Every structure is written in structure tokens, then in C-alpha cells.
Amino acid sequence: MAKIDLEKNEKLFGEQKASHMKKFMFLPQANPGILYVTNQRIIFKATQGRSSSEFEEKLEDIASFKVGVANTINILLKNDKIYKITGMFNKKLISYMEEAGLKKD
């Protein structure tokens, strides 16, 4: 199972199985993995699928997040990039993001 190394003074709020929805040849593809939420970063580590679906963003670079259709979580970056996350435990992920201080739209 994927793991992350925490930085100095970094605290893990939670981790949950999730899928990063990413387009592949114009079609959305679910890439299973684990989403980690800390007091400094959001990190997605793939457990299956494409390693290119992995990402790591500092909280300060995230503008907000919102819950879309079918409880899809859209993470909106300040540079207008969007990550789409789906999963069975999105309510827990939402609570971790709120605990990390991210703005919910």
C-alpha cells in the first residue's frame, strides 16, 4: 500500500481510498489510490492504474474545493487546475479537508 513521508511539523489528518478521475484519450478514467490530507499538503498516491495520476499540492496553492455530482470532490488550485476525486469515503475526505482549513465552495 502506498505511504507518504511526513515533513517536519507535518500532521496527517487522514487518508482514504479514492480514485483520481483523469482524462485518457478524451475519456474519463478512474485511477485508484489513496488520498492523504495533512496540515501542509494533499497527496494522491496511485495503487493501480497510471502513476501519472499521482499528485501533491501544498495547501497554500489550493483555492478551494467543492462537492460535485455523485459526491465527486473537485479540488480547485489557484492556477485554475482541477483534480477530480471520487470514492466511497468522500465524506471523510471532506472532513479532513475542512480540518486542514481548506475553503469549501
N, C-alpha and C. Protein backbone atom coordinates (compact mmCIF):
# COMPACT_ATOMS: atom_id res chain seq x y z
N MET A 1 0.83 -1.18 0.00
CA MET A 1 0.00 0.00 0.00
C MET A 1 0.88 1.25 0.00
N ALA A 2 0.43 2.25 -0.70
CA ALA A 2 1.20 3.49 -0.80
C ALA A 2 1.28 4.19 0.55
N LYS A 3 2.41 4.78 0.81
CA LYS A 3 2.62 5.54 2.04
C LYS A 3 3.30 6.86 1.67
N ILE A 4 3.23 7.81 2.60
CA ILE A 4 3.90 9.09 2.38
C ILE A 4 4.85 9.34 3.54
N ASP A 5 5.86 10.14 3.26
CA ASP A 5 6.77 10.59 4.30
C ASP A 5 6.33 11.98 4.71
N LEU A 6 6.11 12.15 6.00
CA LEU A 6 5.70 13.46 6.50
C LEU A 6 6.92 14.36 6.68
N GLU A 7 6.71 15.63 6.37
CA GLU A 7 7.74 16.64 6.56
C GLU A 7 7.81 17.00 8.04
N LYS A 8 8.83 17.77 8.41
CA LYS A 8 8.94 18.25 9.78
C LYS A 8 7.70 19.08 10.13
N ASN A 9 7.13 18.84 11.30
CA ASN A 9 5.94 19.53 11.81
C ASN A 9 4.68 19.28 10.99
N GLU A 10 4.69 18.23 10.16
CA GLU A 10 3.51 17.91 9.36
C GLU A 10 2.67 16.87 10.11
N LYS A 11 1.37 17.09 10.09
CA LYS A 11 0.43 16.20 10.78
C LYS A 11 -0.55 15.62 9.77
N LEU A 12 -0.75 14.32 9.80
CA LEU A 12 -1.70 13.65 8.92
C LEU A 12 -3.09 13.74 9.53
N PHE A 13 -4.02 14.39 8.81
CA PHE A 13 -5.41 14.46 9.28
C PHE A 13 -6.15 13.18 8.93
N GLY A 14 -5.82 12.60 7.79
CA GLY A 14 -6.48 11.36 7.40
C GLY A 14 -6.10 10.91 6.01
N GLU A 15 -6.44 9.66 5.74
CA GLU A 15 -6.20 9.06 4.42
C GLU A 15 -7.37 8.15 4.10
N GLN A 16 -7.73 8.10 2.84
CA GLN A 16 -8.84 7.25 2.41
C GLN A 16 -8.58 6.75 1.00
N LYS A 17 -9.11 5.57 0.73
CA LYS A 17 -9.09 5.06 -0.64
C LYS A 17 -9.97 5.98 -1.49
N ALA A 18 -9.50 6.28 -2.67
CA ALA A 18 -10.22 7.17 -3.58
C ALA A 18 -9.72 6.89 -5.00
N SER A 19 -10.37 7.51 -5.96
CA SER A 19 -9.92 7.43 -7.35
C SER A 19 -9.76 8.84 -7.89
N HIS A 20 -8.66 9.05 -8.58
CA HIS A 20 -8.43 10.33 -9.26
C HIS A 20 -8.96 10.16 -10.67
N MET A 21 -9.98 10.92 -11.02
CA MET A 21 -10.56 10.87 -12.36
C MET A 21 -9.72 11.75 -13.28
N LYS A 22 -9.14 11.12 -14.27
CA LYS A 22 -8.26 11.83 -15.19
C LYS A 22 -8.59 11.40 -16.61
N LYS A 23 -8.60 12.35 -17.52
CA LYS A 23 -8.91 12.01 -18.91
C LYS A 23 -7.76 11.25 -19.55
N PHE A 24 -8.13 10.22 -20.28
CA PHE A 24 -7.18 9.44 -21.06
C PHE A 24 -7.80 9.22 -22.43
N MET A 25 -7.19 9.79 -23.43
CA MET A 25 -7.72 9.74 -24.80
C MET A 25 -9.17 10.24 -24.84
N PHE A 26 -9.40 11.38 -24.21
CA PHE A 26 -10.68 12.09 -24.19
C PHE A 26 -11.76 11.44 -23.33
N LEU A 27 -11.47 10.32 -22.68
CA LEU A 27 -12.44 9.65 -21.83
C LEU A 27 -11.98 9.68 -20.38
N PRO A 28 -12.92 9.88 -19.44
CA PRO A 28 -12.51 9.88 -18.03
C PRO A 28 -12.11 8.47 -17.59
N GLN A 29 -11.05 8.39 -16.85
CA GLN A 29 -10.55 7.11 -16.35
C GLN A 29 -10.32 7.23 -14.85
N ALA A 30 -10.85 6.26 -14.10
CA ALA A 30 -10.65 6.23 -12.66
C ALA A 30 -9.31 5.57 -12.35
N ASN A 31 -8.48 6.25 -11.59
CA ASN A 31 -7.18 5.74 -11.19
C ASN A 31 -7.21 5.53 -9.68
N PRO A 32 -7.36 4.28 -9.21
CA PRO A 32 -7.48 4.02 -7.78
C PRO A 32 -6.19 4.34 -7.03
N GLY A 33 -6.38 4.79 -5.80
CA GLY A 33 -5.23 5.11 -4.96
C GLY A 33 -5.68 5.53 -3.58
N ILE A 34 -4.84 6.29 -2.93
CA ILE A 34 -5.12 6.80 -1.60
C ILE A 34 -4.87 8.30 -1.59
N LEU A 35 -5.83 9.03 -1.04
CA LEU A 35 -5.68 10.47 -0.88
C LEU A 35 -5.33 10.75 0.57
N TYR A 36 -4.24 11.48 0.76
CA TYR A 36 -3.76 11.87 2.09
C TYR A 36 -3.99 13.36 2.26
N VAL A 37 -4.47 13.75 3.44
CA VAL A 37 -4.66 15.16 3.75
C VAL A 37 -3.87 15.46 5.02
N THR A 38 -2.95 16.41 4.92
CA THR A 38 -2.14 16.81 6.07
C THR A 38 -2.38 18.29 6.35
N ASN A 39 -1.70 18.80 7.35
CA ASN A 39 -1.81 20.23 7.65
C ASN A 39 -0.96 21.08 6.69
N GLN A 40 -0.25 20.42 5.75
CA GLN A 40 0.57 21.15 4.78
C GLN A 40 0.28 20.81 3.32
N ARG A 41 -0.22 19.57 3.07
CA ARG A 41 -0.36 19.12 1.68
C ARG A 41 -1.58 18.21 1.50
N ILE A 42 -1.96 18.06 0.22
CA ILE A 42 -2.86 17.00 -0.21
C ILE A 42 -2.05 16.17 -1.20
N ILE A 43 -2.06 14.85 -0.98
CA ILE A 43 -1.24 13.96 -1.79
C ILE A 43 -2.09 12.79 -2.28
N PHE A 44 -2.01 12.50 -3.56
CA PHE A 44 -2.67 11.31 -4.10
C PHE A 44 -1.59 10.35 -4.59
N LYS A 45 -1.62 9.13 -4.07
CA LYS A 45 -0.70 8.07 -4.48
C LYS A 45 -1.51 6.96 -5.13
N ALA A 46 -1.16 6.62 -6.36
CA ALA A 46 -1.87 5.56 -7.09
C ALA A 46 -1.51 4.19 -6.52
N THR A 47 -2.51 3.33 -6.43
CA THR A 47 -2.29 1.94 -6.04
C THR A 47 -2.47 1.02 -7.25
N GLN A 48 -3.16 1.53 -8.26
CA GLN A 48 -3.37 0.82 -9.53
C GLN A 48 -3.45 1.88 -10.62
N GLY A 49 -3.47 1.44 -11.84
CA GLY A 49 -3.63 2.39 -12.94
C GLY A 49 -2.34 3.14 -13.24
N ARG A 50 -2.49 4.35 -13.69
CA ARG A 50 -1.36 5.15 -14.17
C ARG A 50 -0.71 5.95 -13.04
N SER A 51 0.60 5.84 -12.95
CA SER A 51 1.32 6.63 -11.94
C SER A 51 1.24 8.12 -12.26
N SER A 52 0.91 8.46 -13.51
CA SER A 52 0.77 9.87 -13.88
C SER A 52 -0.45 10.50 -13.21
N SER A 53 -1.30 9.68 -12.58
CA SER A 53 -2.45 10.23 -11.87
C SER A 53 -2.07 10.75 -10.48
N GLU A 54 -0.84 10.47 -10.06
CA GLU A 54 -0.40 10.93 -8.73
C GLU A 54 -0.18 12.44 -8.73
N PHE A 55 -0.47 13.05 -7.59
CA PHE A 55 -0.20 14.48 -7.44
C PHE A 55 0.07 14.81 -5.99
N GLU A 56 0.69 15.96 -5.80
CA GLU A 56 0.97 16.50 -4.48
C GLU A 56 0.85 18.01 -4.59
N GLU A 57 0.03 18.60 -3.74
CA GLU A 57 -0.16 20.05 -3.76
C GLU A 57 -0.08 20.59 -2.34
N LYS A 58 0.59 21.72 -2.20
CA LYS A 58 0.63 22.41 -0.91
C LYS A 58 -0.73 23.06 -0.67
N LEU A 59 -1.17 23.08 0.57
CA LEU A 59 -2.45 23.69 0.89
C LEU A 59 -2.52 25.14 0.45
N GLU A 60 -1.41 25.84 0.53
CA GLU A 60 -1.39 27.26 0.16
C GLU A 60 -1.64 27.47 -1.34
N ASP A 61 -1.49 26.41 -2.15
CA ASP A 61 -1.74 26.51 -3.59
C ASP A 61 -3.16 26.12 -3.98
N ILE A 62 -3.96 25.71 -2.99
CA ILE A 62 -5.33 25.28 -3.24
C ILE A 62 -6.28 26.42 -2.92
N ALA A 63 -7.09 26.81 -3.92
CA ALA A 63 -8.04 27.90 -3.73
C ALA A 63 -9.24 27.43 -2.90
N SER A 64 -9.78 26.26 -3.24
CA SER A 64 -10.95 25.74 -2.54
C SER A 64 -11.24 24.34 -3.05
N PHE A 65 -12.30 23.76 -2.51
CA PHE A 65 -12.80 22.50 -3.05
C PHE A 65 -14.31 22.55 -3.03
N LYS A 66 -14.93 21.77 -3.89
CA LYS A 66 -16.39 21.70 -3.88
C LYS A 66 -16.81 20.28 -4.19
N VAL A 67 -18.01 19.97 -3.74
CA VAL A 67 -18.56 18.64 -3.96
C VAL A 67 -19.48 18.73 -5.18
N GLY A 68 -19.20 17.88 -6.17
CA GLY A 68 -19.97 17.88 -7.40
C GLY A 68 -20.95 16.73 -7.47
N VAL A 69 -21.31 16.38 -8.68
CA VAL A 69 -22.25 15.30 -8.95
C VAL A 69 -21.72 13.99 -8.39
N ALA A 70 -22.60 13.20 -7.78
CA ALA A 70 -22.27 11.89 -7.21
C ALA A 70 -21.13 11.97 -6.19
N ASN A 71 -21.12 13.07 -5.42
CA ASN A 71 -20.13 13.28 -4.36
C ASN A 71 -18.69 13.34 -4.87
N THR A 72 -18.51 13.70 -6.13
CA THR A 72 -17.16 13.92 -6.65
C THR A 72 -16.60 15.17 -5.99
N ILE A 73 -15.37 15.07 -5.49
CA ILE A 73 -14.71 16.23 -4.89
C ILE A 73 -13.83 16.88 -5.95
N ASN A 74 -14.07 18.15 -6.20
CA ASN A 74 -13.26 18.92 -7.13
C ASN A 74 -12.32 19.80 -6.32
N ILE A 75 -11.02 19.56 -6.45
CA ILE A 75 -10.02 20.36 -5.76
C ILE A 75 -9.54 21.42 -6.74
N LEU A 76 -9.80 22.69 -6.42
CA LEU A 76 -9.51 23.80 -7.32
C LEU A 76 -8.23 24.50 -6.88
N LEU A 77 -7.24 24.51 -7.76
CA LEU A 77 -5.99 25.19 -7.44
C LEU A 77 -6.05 26.66 -7.83
N LYS A 78 -5.17 27.45 -7.26
CA LYS A 78 -5.12 28.89 -7.57
C LYS A 78 -4.72 29.14 -9.01
N ASN A 79 -4.05 28.16 -9.66
CA ASN A 79 -3.66 28.32 -11.06
C ASN A 79 -4.73 27.77 -12.01
N ASP A 80 -5.94 27.52 -11.49
CA ASP A 80 -7.11 27.06 -12.24
C ASP A 80 -7.09 25.58 -12.60
N LYS A 81 -6.10 24.83 -12.18
CA LYS A 81 -6.10 23.39 -12.39
C LYS A 81 -7.11 22.76 -11.44
N ILE A 82 -7.74 21.67 -11.89
CA ILE A 82 -8.75 20.99 -11.09
C ILE A 82 -8.42 19.50 -11.02
N TYR A 83 -8.49 18.94 -9.81
CA TYR A 83 -8.38 17.50 -9.61
C TYR A 83 -9.76 16.99 -9.21
N LYS A 84 -10.19 15.90 -9.84
CA LYS A 84 -11.49 15.30 -9.52
C LYS A 84 -11.25 13.98 -8.80
N ILE A 85 -11.84 13.88 -7.60
CA ILE A 85 -11.65 12.71 -6.75
C ILE A 85 -13.01 12.07 -6.48
N THR A 86 -13.09 10.75 -6.63
CA THR A 86 -14.30 10.02 -6.29
C THR A 86 -13.93 8.90 -5.33
N GLY A 87 -14.92 8.43 -4.62
CA GLY A 87 -14.67 7.32 -3.72
C GLY A 87 -15.82 7.10 -2.76
N MET A 88 -15.77 5.97 -2.08
CA MET A 88 -16.82 5.62 -1.12
C MET A 88 -16.74 6.45 0.14
N PHE A 89 -15.58 6.97 0.46
CA PHE A 89 -15.37 7.64 1.74
C PHE A 89 -15.18 9.15 1.58
N ASN A 90 -15.86 9.73 0.61
CA ASN A 90 -15.67 11.16 0.34
C ASN A 90 -16.10 12.04 1.51
N LYS A 91 -17.08 11.61 2.30
CA LYS A 91 -17.49 12.41 3.45
C LYS A 91 -16.34 12.54 4.45
N LYS A 92 -15.57 11.47 4.62
CA LYS A 92 -14.40 11.55 5.50
C LYS A 92 -13.34 12.46 4.90
N LEU A 93 -13.12 12.34 3.58
CA LEU A 93 -12.14 13.21 2.93
C LEU A 93 -12.53 14.68 3.07
N ILE A 94 -13.82 14.95 2.92
CA ILE A 94 -14.30 16.33 3.07
C ILE A 94 -14.01 16.84 4.47
N SER A 95 -14.26 16.01 5.48
CA SER A 95 -13.99 16.46 6.86
C SER A 95 -12.50 16.68 7.08
N TYR A 96 -11.63 15.86 6.46
CA TYR A 96 -10.18 16.07 6.58
C TYR A 96 -9.78 17.40 5.94
N MET A 97 -10.37 17.70 4.76
CA MET A 97 -10.03 18.95 4.06
C MET A 97 -10.50 20.15 4.86
N GLU A 98 -11.67 20.05 5.47
CA GLU A 98 -12.16 21.15 6.30
C GLU A 98 -11.25 21.31 7.53
N GLU A 99 -10.82 20.21 8.12
CA GLU A 99 -9.93 20.27 9.26
C GLU A 99 -8.59 20.92 8.88
N ALA A 100 -8.17 20.70 7.63
CA ALA A 100 -6.92 21.30 7.14
C ALA A 100 -7.07 22.78 6.84
N GLY A 101 -8.32 23.29 6.91
CA GLY A 101 -8.55 24.72 6.70
C GLY A 101 -8.86 25.10 5.26
N LEU A 102 -9.14 24.12 4.40
CA LEU A 102 -9.46 24.43 3.02
C LEU A 102 -10.88 24.99 2.92
N LYS A 103 -11.05 25.95 2.04
CA LYS A 103 -12.34 26.60 1.83
C LYS A 103 -13.23 25.69 0.98
N LYS A 104 -14.46 25.49 1.43
CA LYS A 104 -15.43 24.70 0.68
C LYS A 104 -16.38 25.63 -0.04
N ASP A 105 -16.50 25.46 -1.36
CA ASP A 105 -17.43 26.26 -2.16
C ASP A 105 -18.80 25.60 -2.20
